[in-house]
Amino acid sequence: MGLVNRVVPAAELRAAAVDWAARLAAGPTVALGLGKRLINRSLDGDRSASLAEEALAAEINMTSADGQEGVRAFVERRKPVFRGW
């Protein structure tokens, strides 16, 4: 289910958590937020509703500045710089 993506010794837990939080914060927060919303809502809905919400989320994401930056960075073969909008 992907509930665990990494296991570290107890002494390294804080550093690993801080690193993971920094990676998430630097990532495409619009896409991450939409993904989390889709996963949470899919538990209560039917497949057709989930697919409709996924299409809407894709449209929102790709019209966001971060979505456009992700595409530009991919085409230009560079690391994206996300701003959270």
N, C-alpha and C. Protein backbone atom coordinates (compact mmCIF):
# COMPACT_ATOMS: atom_id res chain seq x y z
N MET A 1 0.82 -1.21 0.00
CA MET A 1 0.00 0.00 0.00
C MET A 1 0.85 1.26 0.00
N GLY A 2 2.15 1.15 0.16
CA GLY A 2 2.99 2.33 0.14
C GLY A 2 2.96 3.13 1.43
N LEU A 3 2.58 2.50 2.52
CA LEU A 3 2.54 3.22 3.78
C LEU A 3 3.92 3.48 4.35
N VAL A 4 4.88 2.67 3.95
CA VAL A 4 6.25 2.83 4.40
C VAL A 4 7.12 2.92 3.15
N ASN A 5 7.88 4.00 3.05
CA ASN A 5 8.74 4.11 1.87
C ASN A 5 10.22 4.05 2.23
N ARG A 6 10.51 4.01 3.52
CA ARG A 6 11.89 3.94 3.95
C ARG A 6 11.95 3.55 5.43
N VAL A 7 12.91 2.73 5.78
CA VAL A 7 13.13 2.34 7.17
C VAL A 7 14.55 2.75 7.53
N VAL A 8 14.68 3.45 8.66
CA VAL A 8 16.00 3.92 9.10
C VAL A 8 16.19 3.57 10.57
N PRO A 9 17.43 3.47 11.00
CA PRO A 9 17.68 3.26 12.44
C PRO A 9 17.13 4.43 13.25
N ALA A 10 16.76 4.17 14.47
CA ALA A 10 16.17 5.19 15.33
C ALA A 10 17.03 6.45 15.42
N ALA A 11 18.33 6.28 15.45
CA ALA A 11 19.23 7.43 15.57
C ALA A 11 19.18 8.34 14.34
N GLU A 12 18.74 7.80 13.20
CA GLU A 12 18.68 8.59 11.96
C GLU A 12 17.28 9.08 11.63
N LEU A 13 16.31 8.76 12.47
CA LEU A 13 14.91 9.07 12.16
C LEU A 13 14.66 10.55 11.98
N ARG A 14 15.14 11.37 12.91
CA ARG A 14 14.88 12.82 12.82
C ARG A 14 15.47 13.40 11.54
N ALA A 15 16.70 13.06 11.22
CA ALA A 15 17.33 13.59 10.02
C ALA A 15 16.59 13.12 8.76
N ALA A 16 16.15 11.87 8.75
CA ALA A 16 15.41 11.35 7.61
C ALA A 16 14.07 12.06 7.46
N ALA A 17 13.40 12.33 8.57
CA ALA A 17 12.11 13.02 8.53
C ALA A 17 12.28 14.46 8.05
N VAL A 18 13.30 15.14 8.51
CA VAL A 18 13.57 16.51 8.08
C VAL A 18 13.88 16.55 6.59
N ASP A 19 14.69 15.58 6.13
CA ASP A 19 15.03 15.50 4.71
C ASP A 19 13.78 15.26 3.87
N TRP A 20 12.94 14.33 4.31
CA TRP A 20 11.71 14.03 3.57
C TRP A 20 10.79 15.25 3.53
N ALA A 21 10.65 15.95 4.64
CA ALA A 21 9.80 17.14 4.70
C ALA A 21 10.33 18.22 3.76
N ALA A 22 11.64 18.39 3.70
CA ALA A 22 12.23 19.39 2.80
C ALA A 22 11.97 19.02 1.34
N ARG A 23 12.07 17.73 1.02
CA ARG A 23 11.78 17.29 -0.35
C ARG A 23 10.33 17.55 -0.73
N LEU A 24 9.41 17.27 0.19
CA LEU A 24 8.00 17.53 -0.09
C LEU A 24 7.74 19.03 -0.25
N ALA A 25 8.33 19.84 0.61
CA ALA A 25 8.11 21.28 0.56
C ALA A 25 8.67 21.89 -0.73
N ALA A 26 9.73 21.32 -1.27
CA ALA A 26 10.33 21.84 -2.50
C ALA A 26 9.64 21.28 -3.75
N GLY A 27 8.75 20.32 -3.56
CA GLY A 27 8.08 19.66 -4.68
C GLY A 27 6.89 20.45 -5.17
N PRO A 28 6.17 19.86 -6.10
CA PRO A 28 4.98 20.50 -6.68
C PRO A 28 3.79 20.40 -5.72
N THR A 29 3.67 21.36 -4.83
CA THR A 29 2.68 21.26 -3.77
C THR A 29 1.25 21.23 -4.29
N VAL A 30 0.99 21.88 -5.43
CA VAL A 30 -0.36 21.80 -6.01
C VAL A 30 -0.68 20.36 -6.37
N ALA A 31 0.23 19.71 -7.08
CA ALA A 31 0.02 18.32 -7.50
C ALA A 31 -0.05 17.39 -6.30
N LEU A 32 0.82 17.60 -5.32
CA LEU A 32 0.80 16.75 -4.13
C LEU A 32 -0.51 16.89 -3.38
N GLY A 33 -0.98 18.10 -3.23
CA GLY A 33 -2.25 18.34 -2.53
C GLY A 33 -3.43 17.73 -3.27
N LEU A 34 -3.44 17.90 -4.61
CA LEU A 34 -4.52 17.31 -5.39
C LEU A 34 -4.49 15.78 -5.31
N GLY A 35 -3.29 15.22 -5.37
CA GLY A 35 -3.16 13.77 -5.26
C GLY A 35 -3.68 13.25 -3.93
N LYS A 36 -3.32 13.94 -2.86
CA LYS A 36 -3.79 13.53 -1.53
C LYS A 36 -5.31 13.61 -1.44
N ARG A 37 -5.86 14.67 -1.99
CA ARG A 37 -7.32 14.83 -1.99
C ARG A 37 -7.98 13.69 -2.77
N LEU A 38 -7.43 13.36 -3.94
CA LEU A 38 -8.01 12.29 -4.75
C LEU A 38 -7.98 10.95 -4.02
N ILE A 39 -6.87 10.66 -3.38
CA ILE A 39 -6.76 9.40 -2.65
C ILE A 39 -7.77 9.35 -1.51
N ASN A 40 -7.84 10.42 -0.74
CA ASN A 40 -8.79 10.44 0.38
C ASN A 40 -10.23 10.32 -0.07
N ARG A 41 -10.59 11.02 -1.14
CA ARG A 41 -11.98 10.99 -1.62
C ARG A 41 -12.32 9.68 -2.32
N SER A 42 -11.33 9.00 -2.88
CA SER A 42 -11.60 7.76 -3.61
C SER A 42 -12.08 6.65 -2.68
N LEU A 43 -11.80 6.77 -1.41
CA LEU A 43 -12.21 5.74 -0.46
C LEU A 43 -13.72 5.72 -0.26
N ASP A 44 -14.38 6.84 -0.53
CA ASP A 44 -15.82 6.94 -0.28
C ASP A 44 -16.66 6.99 -1.55
N GLY A 45 -16.05 7.15 -2.71
CA GLY A 45 -16.83 7.33 -3.93
C GLY A 45 -16.78 6.13 -4.84
N ASP A 46 -17.48 6.26 -5.96
CA ASP A 46 -17.45 5.20 -6.96
C ASP A 46 -16.42 5.53 -8.03
N ARG A 47 -16.18 4.59 -8.91
CA ARG A 47 -15.12 4.73 -9.92
C ARG A 47 -15.39 5.90 -10.86
N SER A 48 -16.60 6.07 -11.33
CA SER A 48 -16.87 7.14 -12.29
C SER A 48 -16.68 8.51 -11.65
N ALA A 49 -17.08 8.65 -10.40
CA ALA A 49 -16.86 9.93 -9.71
C ALA A 49 -15.37 10.17 -9.52
N SER A 50 -14.63 9.13 -9.17
CA SER A 50 -13.18 9.27 -8.99
C SER A 50 -12.49 9.67 -10.29
N LEU A 51 -12.91 9.08 -11.40
CA LEU A 51 -12.31 9.43 -12.70
C LEU A 51 -12.63 10.87 -13.09
N ALA A 52 -13.84 11.32 -12.80
CA ALA A 52 -14.22 12.70 -13.10
C ALA A 52 -13.39 13.67 -12.25
N GLU A 53 -13.21 13.34 -10.98
CA GLU A 53 -12.40 14.20 -10.11
C GLU A 53 -10.94 14.20 -10.54
N GLU A 54 -10.45 13.05 -11.01
CA GLU A 54 -9.07 12.98 -11.49
C GLU A 54 -8.88 13.86 -12.71
N ALA A 55 -9.83 13.86 -13.62
CA ALA A 55 -9.74 14.72 -14.81
C ALA A 55 -9.72 16.20 -14.41
N LEU A 56 -10.56 16.56 -13.46
CA LEU A 56 -10.58 17.95 -12.98
C LEU A 56 -9.26 18.31 -12.32
N ALA A 57 -8.74 17.40 -11.51
CA ALA A 57 -7.46 17.66 -10.83
C ALA A 57 -6.33 17.83 -11.84
N ALA A 58 -6.34 17.03 -12.90
CA ALA A 58 -5.31 17.15 -13.93
C ALA A 58 -5.40 18.51 -14.61
N GLU A 59 -6.62 18.97 -14.89
CA GLU A 59 -6.79 20.28 -15.51
C GLU A 59 -6.30 21.40 -14.58
N ILE A 60 -6.66 21.31 -13.31
CA ILE A 60 -6.21 22.31 -12.33
C ILE A 60 -4.69 22.32 -12.26
N ASN A 61 -4.11 21.13 -12.16
CA ASN A 61 -2.66 21.03 -12.02
C ASN A 61 -1.95 21.59 -13.25
N MET A 62 -2.40 21.22 -14.44
CA MET A 62 -1.69 21.64 -15.64
C MET A 62 -1.90 23.11 -16.00
N THR A 63 -2.88 23.74 -15.41
CA THR A 63 -3.05 25.18 -15.62
C THR A 63 -2.40 25.99 -14.51
N SER A 64 -1.86 25.31 -13.50
CA SER A 64 -1.16 26.01 -12.42
C SER A 64 0.25 26.39 -12.89
N ALA A 65 0.82 27.37 -12.25
CA ALA A 65 2.20 27.77 -12.58
C ALA A 65 3.17 26.62 -12.34
N ASP A 66 2.96 25.87 -11.28
CA ASP A 66 3.84 24.73 -10.99
C ASP A 66 3.71 23.63 -12.04
N GLY A 67 2.50 23.38 -12.51
CA GLY A 67 2.30 22.37 -13.55
C GLY A 67 3.02 22.77 -14.83
N GLN A 68 2.91 24.03 -15.20
CA GLN A 68 3.57 24.52 -16.40
C GLN A 68 5.09 24.51 -16.23
N GLU A 69 5.56 24.83 -15.04
CA GLU A 69 7.00 24.79 -14.75
C GLU A 69 7.52 23.36 -14.86
N GLY A 70 6.75 22.41 -14.38
CA GLY A 70 7.17 21.01 -14.47
C GLY A 70 7.34 20.56 -15.91
N VAL A 71 6.42 20.94 -16.77
CA VAL A 71 6.51 20.59 -18.19
C VAL A 71 7.70 21.28 -18.83
N ARG A 72 7.85 22.59 -18.57
CA ARG A 72 9.00 23.33 -19.14
C ARG A 72 10.32 22.72 -18.70
N ALA A 73 10.43 22.41 -17.41
CA ALA A 73 11.68 21.84 -16.89
C ALA A 73 11.96 20.48 -17.54
N PHE A 74 10.94 19.69 -17.75
CA PHE A 74 11.12 18.39 -18.39
C PHE A 74 11.63 18.58 -19.83
N VAL A 75 10.98 19.45 -20.56
CA VAL A 75 11.37 19.69 -21.96
C VAL A 75 12.79 20.26 -22.03
N GLU A 76 13.13 21.15 -21.10
CA GLU A 76 14.45 21.77 -21.09
C GLU A 76 15.51 20.92 -20.38
N ARG A 77 15.09 19.77 -19.87
CA ARG A 77 16.00 18.83 -19.18
C ARG A 77 16.73 19.51 -18.02
N ARG A 78 15.95 20.15 -17.17
CA ARG A 78 16.51 20.80 -15.99
C ARG A 78 15.63 20.49 -14.79
N LYS A 79 16.16 20.79 -13.63
CA LYS A 79 15.40 20.57 -12.40
C LYS A 79 14.34 21.66 -12.27
N PRO A 80 13.09 21.30 -11.99
CA PRO A 80 12.05 22.32 -11.85
C PRO A 80 12.21 23.13 -10.57
N VAL A 81 11.72 24.35 -10.63
CA VAL A 81 11.68 25.23 -9.45
C VAL A 81 10.20 25.53 -9.19
N PHE A 82 9.62 24.83 -8.22
CA PHE A 82 8.21 25.00 -7.91
C PHE A 82 8.01 26.12 -6.91
N ARG A 83 6.91 26.86 -7.06
CA ARG A 83 6.63 27.99 -6.19
C ARG A 83 5.37 27.81 -5.32
N GLY A 84 4.65 26.73 -5.56
CA GLY A 84 3.49 26.46 -4.73
C GLY A 84 2.19 27.05 -5.24
N TRP A 85 2.11 27.42 -6.51
CA TRP A 85 0.88 27.93 -7.10
C TRP A 85 0.80 27.63 -8.57
